Amino acid sequence: MTKRIHLLGSVLDPLTMNETLRHVEKLILDKKPSQHVVINASKINLMAESEELRTIINSSPLVNADGQSVVFAARFLGYDVPERVTGIDLFENLVALAASKGYRPYYFGATEEVVQTVVKKHQEAYPELDVAGYRNGYFDEAESVQIAKEIRESHADILFVAFSSPKKEFWVNAHKEAMQVPFVMGVGGSFDIISGKTKRAPEWMQKTGLEWFFRFIQEPRRMFKRYAVGNYRFIKHVMQEKRKRKRSV
């Protein structure tokens, strides 16, 4: 695998989508529980506040650049990052891979209606897909041990966890050994998009780094702090890193 880089307090694997898929398959075949993460501007900000989250992410065997802002920042700081590998695109590609190779996915998160809709859509698109199981993301913390046990008993090869950050990173890290799933991936709001509950930004906005703005205009109140304040903080982190590198030259 391409040598990973260190960016704004996080490790990052500068891979293309195809390179990522090959590495995921190696992790699946290795059969040891692993936790995959993606980073974006919001995740970088969260990592700056939480040593626990930073440790979890930097211990992951595979870290992709989900946000175009991370790709832009990496290039600005002198790194060669070929492209963004978004969580939702990787998710969809992995479902196709699972169907063709016989890997068994488990879907965990969102509402019952949404998760059922996602599973149904994927089974219609890939009749050969062998779904290990699914459940919604609404539960008491006391149920976590039993949920992890059920996932382990499903013998899933891949687990898609549709929680928000940092809840999904913390939950997966706490229960990955109990679940014994070779590849666990947080997919955030991907279930909502695939089910049709929410819309994804047009492709031109994705490529130009404006996907965040599309989400902001959909939910301005809920997303104001994350984007209006969060983007400023992210840019501040990038500029601080740039100045630090200049001083060290």
Protein backbone atom coordinates (compact mmCIF):
# COMPACT_ATOMS: atom_id res chain seq x y z
CA MET A 1 0.00 0.00 0.00
CA THR A 2 1.12 3.58 -0.68
CA LYS A 3 2.97 5.03 2.30
CA ARG A 4 0.57 6.86 4.60
CA ILE A 5 1.04 10.50 5.42
CA HIS A 6 0.48 12.59 8.56
CA LEU A 7 -1.91 15.47 8.06
CA LEU A 8 -3.33 17.90 10.64
CA GLY A 9 -3.04 15.43 13.50
CA SER A 10 -4.37 12.49 11.49
CA VAL A 11 -2.84 9.71 9.45
CA LEU A 12 -4.10 9.44 5.88
CA ASP A 13 -3.69 6.79 3.21
CA PRO A 14 -3.40 8.63 -0.14
CA LEU A 15 -5.20 6.02 -2.23
CA THR A 16 -7.54 5.92 -5.19
CA MET A 17 -10.90 4.16 -4.94
CA ASN A 18 -9.56 1.05 -6.72
CA GLU A 19 -6.50 0.90 -4.46
CA THR A 20 -8.77 1.25 -1.43
CA LEU A 21 -11.01 -1.59 -2.58
CA ARG A 22 -8.01 -3.88 -3.02
CA HIS A 23 -6.81 -3.05 0.49
CA VAL A 24 -10.28 -3.61 1.97
CA GLU A 25 -10.38 -7.05 0.37
CA LYS A 26 -7.04 -7.91 1.99
CA LEU A 27 -8.48 -6.92 5.38
CA ILE A 28 -11.57 -9.05 4.80
CA LEU A 29 -9.50 -12.08 3.82
CA ASP A 30 -7.21 -11.56 6.82
CA LYS A 31 -10.30 -12.13 9.03
CA LYS A 32 -9.03 -9.99 11.92
CA PRO A 33 -11.41 -7.28 13.20
CA SER A 34 -10.49 -3.91 11.72
CA GLN A 35 -12.02 -0.44 11.87
CA HIS A 36 -11.98 1.78 8.81
CA VAL A 37 -12.42 5.56 9.04
CA VAL A 38 -12.64 8.51 6.69
CA ILE A 39 -11.59 12.06 7.52
CA ASN A 40 -13.08 15.37 6.49
CA ALA A 41 -12.88 18.93 7.85
CA SER A 42 -15.33 18.17 10.65
CA LYS A 43 -13.43 15.04 11.70
CA ILE A 44 -10.15 16.97 11.82
CA ASN A 45 -11.80 19.52 14.11
CA LEU A 46 -13.18 16.77 16.36
CA MET A 47 -9.76 15.10 16.55
CA ALA A 48 -8.21 18.37 17.73
CA GLU A 49 -10.57 18.28 20.73
CA SER A 50 -10.48 14.56 21.54
CA GLU A 51 -7.35 12.53 22.19
CA GLU A 52 -9.48 9.38 22.33
CA LEU A 53 -10.88 9.98 18.84
CA ARG A 54 -7.41 10.87 17.54
CA THR A 55 -6.02 7.59 18.92
CA ILE A 56 -8.82 5.53 17.36
CA ILE A 57 -8.40 7.09 13.93
CA ASN A 58 -4.61 6.95 13.95
CA SER A 59 -4.77 3.27 14.93
CA SER A 60 -6.95 2.36 11.96
CA PRO A 61 -5.34 0.22 9.26
CA LEU A 62 -7.08 2.27 6.56
CA VAL A 63 -7.92 6.00 6.59
CA ASN A 64 -9.39 7.68 3.52
CA ALA A 65 -9.92 11.33 2.58
CA ASP A 66 -13.71 11.67 2.49
CA GLY A 67 -13.87 15.45 2.19
CA GLN A 68 -12.61 17.42 -0.80
CA SER A 69 -11.39 19.98 1.73
CA VAL A 70 -8.93 17.39 3.07
CA VAL A 71 -7.64 16.71 -0.46
CA PHE A 72 -7.20 20.44 -1.11
CA ALA A 73 -5.48 20.93 2.27
CA ALA A 74 -3.12 17.99 1.70
CA ARG A 75 -2.09 19.31 -1.70
CA PHE A 76 -1.65 22.83 -0.28
CA LEU A 77 0.69 21.35 2.32
CA GLY A 78 2.71 19.53 -0.32
CA TYR A 79 1.27 16.01 -0.28
CA ASP A 80 0.24 14.03 -3.35
CA VAL A 81 -3.30 12.84 -2.62
CA PRO A 82 -4.81 11.47 -5.86
CA GLU A 83 -8.52 11.80 -5.08
CA ARG A 84 -11.16 11.77 -2.39
CA VAL A 85 -12.63 8.41 -1.48
CA THR A 86 -16.01 9.28 -0.04
CA GLY A 87 -17.71 7.07 2.50
CA ILE A 88 -20.90 6.70 0.47
CA ASP A 89 -19.07 5.85 -2.76
CA LEU A 90 -16.86 3.31 -0.99
CA PHE A 91 -19.96 1.87 0.67
CA GLU A 92 -21.71 1.37 -2.68
CA ASN A 93 -18.59 -0.12 -4.26
CA LEU A 94 -18.17 -2.52 -1.36
CA VAL A 95 -21.74 -3.74 -1.70
CA ALA A 96 -21.02 -4.52 -5.36
CA LEU A 97 -17.79 -6.27 -4.34
CA ALA A 98 -19.60 -8.28 -1.66
CA ALA A 99 -22.21 -9.41 -4.18
CA SER A 100 -19.56 -10.55 -6.69
CA LYS A 101 -17.25 -12.21 -4.16
CA GLY A 102 -19.76 -13.67 -1.73
CA TYR A 103 -18.87 -11.44 1.23
CA ARG A 104 -21.71 -10.99 3.69
CA PRO A 105 -22.59 -7.42 4.76
CA TYR A 106 -24.47 -6.34 7.89
CA TYR A 107 -26.32 -2.99 7.97
CA PHE A 108 -26.57 -1.15 11.30
CA GLY A 109 -28.07 2.29 11.84
CA ALA A 110 -30.73 4.85 10.85
CA THR A 111 -34.45 4.22 11.37
CA GLU A 112 -36.04 0.81 10.81
CA GLU A 113 -37.78 2.06 7.67
CA VAL A 114 -34.59 3.52 6.22
CA VAL A 115 -32.34 0.51 6.89
CA GLN A 116 -34.95 -1.86 5.47
CA THR A 117 -35.24 0.30 2.35
CA VAL A 118 -31.45 0.29 1.84
CA VAL A 119 -31.24 -3.49 2.22
CA LYS A 120 -34.17 -3.97 -0.18
CA LYS A 121 -32.60 -1.66 -2.80
CA HIS A 122 -29.28 -3.44 -2.62
CA GLN A 123 -30.87 -6.87 -2.85
CA GLU A 124 -32.86 -5.74 -5.89
CA ALA A 125 -29.71 -4.35 -7.53
CA TYR A 126 -27.66 -7.45 -6.60
CA PRO A 127 -29.90 -10.55 -6.33
CA GLU A 128 -26.84 -12.62 -5.41
CA LEU A 129 -26.05 -10.41 -2.37
CA ASP A 130 -26.05 -12.49 0.83
CA VAL A 131 -27.06 -10.06 3.58
CA ALA A 132 -25.85 -11.19 7.01
CA GLY A 133 -28.41 -9.04 8.80
CA TYR A 134 -29.55 -5.55 9.69
CA ARG A 135 -30.97 -3.51 12.55
CA ASN A 136 -31.83 0.12 13.17
CA GLY A 137 -29.58 2.49 15.09
CA TYR A 138 -31.93 3.28 17.96
CA PHE A 139 -30.93 1.49 21.16
CA ASP A 140 -29.94 2.05 24.78
CA GLU A 141 -26.26 1.80 25.59
CA ALA A 142 -27.07 -1.17 27.82
CA GLU A 143 -28.07 -3.10 24.67
CA SER A 144 -24.66 -2.65 23.01
CA VAL A 145 -23.14 -5.89 24.28
CA GLN A 146 -26.11 -7.93 23.01
CA ILE A 147 -26.06 -6.12 19.66
CA ALA A 148 -22.34 -6.85 19.27
CA LYS A 149 -23.03 -10.51 20.08
CA GLU A 150 -25.80 -10.68 17.46
CA ILE A 151 -23.53 -9.16 14.85
CA ARG A 152 -20.80 -11.69 15.69
CA GLU A 153 -23.28 -14.55 15.39
CA SER A 154 -24.33 -13.29 11.95
CA HIS A 155 -20.80 -14.15 10.65
CA ALA A 156 -20.72 -10.90 8.66
CA ASP A 157 -17.62 -10.08 6.64
CA ILE A 158 -18.42 -6.37 6.43
CA LEU A 159 -20.33 -4.14 8.85
CA PHE A 160 -21.73 -0.77 7.76
CA VAL A 161 -22.45 1.51 10.74
CA ALA A 162 -24.70 4.49 9.98
CA PHE A 163 -24.18 6.70 13.03
CA SER A 164 -22.88 10.24 13.20
CA SER A 165 -19.33 11.07 14.30
CA PRO A 166 -17.80 10.63 16.77
CA LYS A 167 -20.40 8.20 18.12
CA LYS A 168 -19.71 5.61 15.41
CA GLU A 169 -15.94 5.69 15.94
CA PHE A 170 -16.29 5.27 19.71
CA TRP A 171 -18.94 2.53 19.47
CA VAL A 172 -17.08 0.48 16.88
CA ASN A 173 -13.79 0.78 18.76
CA ALA A 174 -15.46 -0.38 21.97
CA HIS A 175 -17.10 -3.43 20.39
CA LYS A 176 -15.01 -4.48 17.39
CA GLU A 177 -13.28 -7.33 19.26
CA ALA A 178 -16.62 -8.65 20.48
CA MET A 179 -18.13 -8.45 16.98
CA GLN A 180 -15.17 -10.08 15.19
CA VAL A 181 -16.14 -8.56 11.83
CA PRO A 182 -13.11 -8.34 9.51
CA PHE A 183 -14.02 -4.93 8.08
CA VAL A 184 -16.13 -2.38 9.95
CA MET A 185 -16.92 0.90 8.26
CA GLY A 186 -18.78 3.97 9.49
CA VAL A 187 -21.03 5.34 6.74
CA GLY A 188 -22.64 8.31 8.51
CA GLY A 189 -25.77 9.49 6.70
CA SER A 190 -25.31 7.21 3.67
CA PHE A 191 -28.36 5.09 4.52
CA ASP A 192 -30.57 8.20 4.43
CA ILE A 193 -29.24 9.19 1.00
CA ILE A 194 -29.51 5.73 -0.56
CA SER A 195 -33.03 5.25 0.81
CA GLY A 196 -34.09 8.58 -0.70
CA LYS A 197 -34.79 10.25 2.64
CA THR A 198 -32.20 12.95 1.91
CA LYS A 199 -30.50 14.13 -1.29
CA ARG A 200 -26.83 14.18 -2.17
CA ALA A 201 -25.20 17.22 -3.73
CA PRO A 202 -24.87 17.33 -7.54
CA GLU A 203 -21.61 15.89 -8.86
CA TRP A 204 -20.20 19.31 -9.78
CA MET A 205 -20.58 20.44 -6.16
CA GLN A 206 -18.89 17.26 -4.93
CA LYS A 207 -15.90 17.80 -7.23
CA THR A 208 -15.49 21.49 -6.40
CA GLY A 209 -15.62 20.98 -2.64
CA LEU A 210 -19.08 22.49 -2.20
CA GLU A 211 -20.91 19.39 -1.00
CA TRP A 212 -20.89 20.90 2.50
CA PHE A 213 -22.79 23.95 1.20
CA PHE A 214 -25.48 21.73 -0.31
CA ARG A 215 -26.00 20.08 3.08
CA PHE A 216 -25.96 23.47 4.78
CA ILE A 217 -28.78 24.91 2.64
CA GLN A 218 -30.84 21.77 3.28
CA GLU A 219 -30.53 22.05 7.08
CA PRO A 220 -29.14 25.54 7.88
CA ARG A 221 -30.00 25.54 11.60
CA ARG A 222 -28.58 22.11 12.35
CA MET A 223 -25.51 22.53 10.16
CA PHE A 224 -24.59 26.15 10.98
CA LYS A 225 -22.08 25.36 13.72
CA ARG A 226 -20.55 22.45 11.84
CA TYR A 227 -19.94 24.39 8.63
CA ALA A 228 -19.90 28.13 9.33
CA VAL A 229 -17.80 27.74 12.47
CA GLY A 230 -16.21 24.40 11.57
CA ASN A 231 -14.87 25.49 8.19
CA TYR A 232 -13.20 28.52 9.77
CA ARG A 233 -11.56 26.28 12.37
CA PHE A 234 -10.39 23.83 9.72
CA ILE A 235 -8.81 26.58 7.61
CA LYS A 236 -7.12 27.86 10.77
CA HIS A 237 -5.63 24.40 11.41
CA VAL A 238 -4.34 24.26 7.82
CA MET A 239 -2.72 27.71 7.97
CA GLN A 240 -1.11 26.94 11.34
CA GLU A 241 0.36 23.76 9.85
CA LYS A 242 1.62 25.70 6.83
CA ARG A 243 3.38 28.27 9.05
CA LYS A 244 4.86 25.51 11.20
CA ARG A 245 6.33 23.83 8.13
CA LYS A 246 7.84 27.09 6.88
CA ARG A 247 9.55 27.67 10.23
CA SER A 248 11.02 24.16 10.20
CA VAL A 249 12.59 24.58 6.75
